[in-house]
Amino acid sequence: LASFITGCGVGVILPTTITMVVNLVAPNRRGVANSTFFSAVDIGVGLGTIMIGTLAEATSLSFAYYACAGVVLLPAVYFFVFVLKDYQTKMQQNTF
């Protein structure tokens, strides 16, 4: 069940965020934005795996799962409180 939920989340969040990133830059900079985004995703997956593995080893696997839930929830709240308004404003103004 957790794998299914994670897969659905990644399947929705990843294309949505890359679309938002690409929409915020000038058309001639979309390749740079795309590669920067996916480089950050790769670094995050790599470092996140190491960090959560270290955390699970130092504490417990259940604590690591709770930590992962926090790592997902905090940016989600930040996105809806701060980023979404700014993104919508920029898209209405078409300033890039």
Protein backbone atom coordinates (compact mmCIF):
# COMPACT_ATOMS: atom_id res chain seq x y z
CA LEU A 1 0.00 0.00 0.00
CA ALA A 2 2.82 2.40 0.88
CA SER A 3 4.53 1.68 -2.46
CA PHE A 4 1.29 2.31 -4.33
CA ILE A 5 0.72 5.63 -2.55
CA THR A 6 4.33 6.67 -3.12
CA GLY A 7 4.11 5.74 -6.80
CA CYS A 8 0.93 7.74 -7.25
CA GLY A 9 2.44 10.71 -5.44
CA VAL A 10 5.61 10.71 -7.50
CA GLY A 11 3.58 10.16 -10.66
CA VAL A 12 1.59 13.31 -9.94
CA ILE A 13 4.15 15.53 -8.22
CA LEU A 14 7.13 15.03 -10.53
CA PRO A 15 5.44 16.04 -13.81
CA THR A 16 3.60 18.87 -12.06
CA THR A 17 6.73 20.39 -10.57
CA ILE A 18 8.79 20.09 -13.75
CA THR A 19 5.96 21.78 -15.66
CA MET A 20 5.93 24.61 -13.13
CA VAL A 21 9.70 25.01 -13.36
CA VAL A 22 9.70 25.04 -17.15
CA ASN A 23 6.81 27.54 -17.23
CA LEU A 24 8.76 30.03 -15.11
CA VAL A 25 11.70 30.44 -17.49
CA ALA A 26 12.10 31.90 -20.94
CA PRO A 27 11.66 29.35 -23.74
CA ASN A 28 15.35 29.44 -24.62
CA ARG A 29 16.27 28.50 -21.00
CA ARG A 30 13.95 25.49 -20.65
CA GLY A 31 16.72 22.96 -21.24
CA VAL A 32 18.79 24.49 -18.45
CA ALA A 33 15.78 24.52 -16.10
CA ASN A 34 14.96 20.92 -16.94
CA SER A 35 18.49 19.65 -16.36
CA THR A 36 18.87 21.65 -13.13
CA PHE A 37 15.59 20.26 -11.83
CA PHE A 38 16.50 16.65 -12.54
CA SER A 39 20.01 17.12 -11.14
CA ALA A 40 18.43 18.34 -7.90
CA VAL A 41 16.04 15.35 -7.89
CA ASP A 42 18.94 12.92 -8.37
CA ILE A 43 21.01 14.55 -5.62
CA GLY A 44 17.98 14.52 -3.30
CA VAL A 45 17.28 10.84 -3.90
CA GLY A 46 20.93 9.91 -3.40
CA LEU A 47 21.52 11.97 -0.27
CA GLY A 48 18.06 11.21 1.13
CA THR A 49 18.69 7.48 0.91
CA ILE A 50 21.95 7.80 2.79
CA MET A 51 20.49 10.12 5.43
CA ILE A 52 17.35 8.07 6.07
CA GLY A 53 19.39 4.86 6.19
CA THR A 54 21.70 6.43 8.77
CA LEU A 55 18.71 7.69 10.75
CA ALA A 56 17.04 4.25 10.68
CA GLU A 57 20.25 2.62 11.87
CA ALA A 58 20.67 5.13 14.71
CA THR A 59 17.02 5.03 15.83
CA SER A 60 14.50 2.61 14.35
CA LEU A 61 12.82 1.90 11.06
CA SER A 62 9.48 3.18 12.30
CA PHE A 63 11.06 6.49 13.36
CA ALA A 64 12.63 6.78 9.90
CA TYR A 65 9.17 6.38 8.34
CA TYR A 66 7.81 9.16 10.56
CA ALA A 67 10.75 11.35 9.62
CA CYS A 68 10.03 10.73 5.93
CA ALA A 69 6.40 11.74 6.47
CA GLY A 70 7.62 15.01 8.00
CA VAL A 71 10.04 15.54 5.14
CA VAL A 72 7.10 15.31 2.75
CA LEU A 73 4.55 17.29 4.78
CA LEU A 74 6.69 20.33 5.60
CA PRO A 75 7.51 21.23 1.98
CA ALA A 76 3.89 20.57 1.00
CA VAL A 77 2.70 23.10 3.56
CA TYR A 78 5.39 25.57 2.46
CA PHE A 79 4.31 25.13 -1.16
CA PHE A 80 0.63 25.83 -0.50
CA VAL A 81 1.29 28.73 1.87
CA PHE A 82 4.06 30.58 0.00
CA VAL A 83 4.98 29.22 -3.43
CA LEU A 84 1.59 28.67 -5.06
CA LYS A 85 0.52 32.34 -4.79
CA ASP A 86 3.83 33.52 -6.22
CA TYR A 87 3.64 31.02 -9.08
CA GLN A 88 0.08 32.02 -9.97
CA THR A 89 1.03 35.72 -9.89
CA LYS A 90 4.00 35.16 -12.19
CA MET A 91 1.95 33.09 -14.60
CA GLN A 92 -0.73 35.81 -14.81
CA GLN A 93 1.94 38.45 -15.47
CA ASN A 94 3.89 36.19 -17.83
CA THR A 95 7.13 37.66 -16.54
CA PHE A 96 9.99 35.41 -17.40
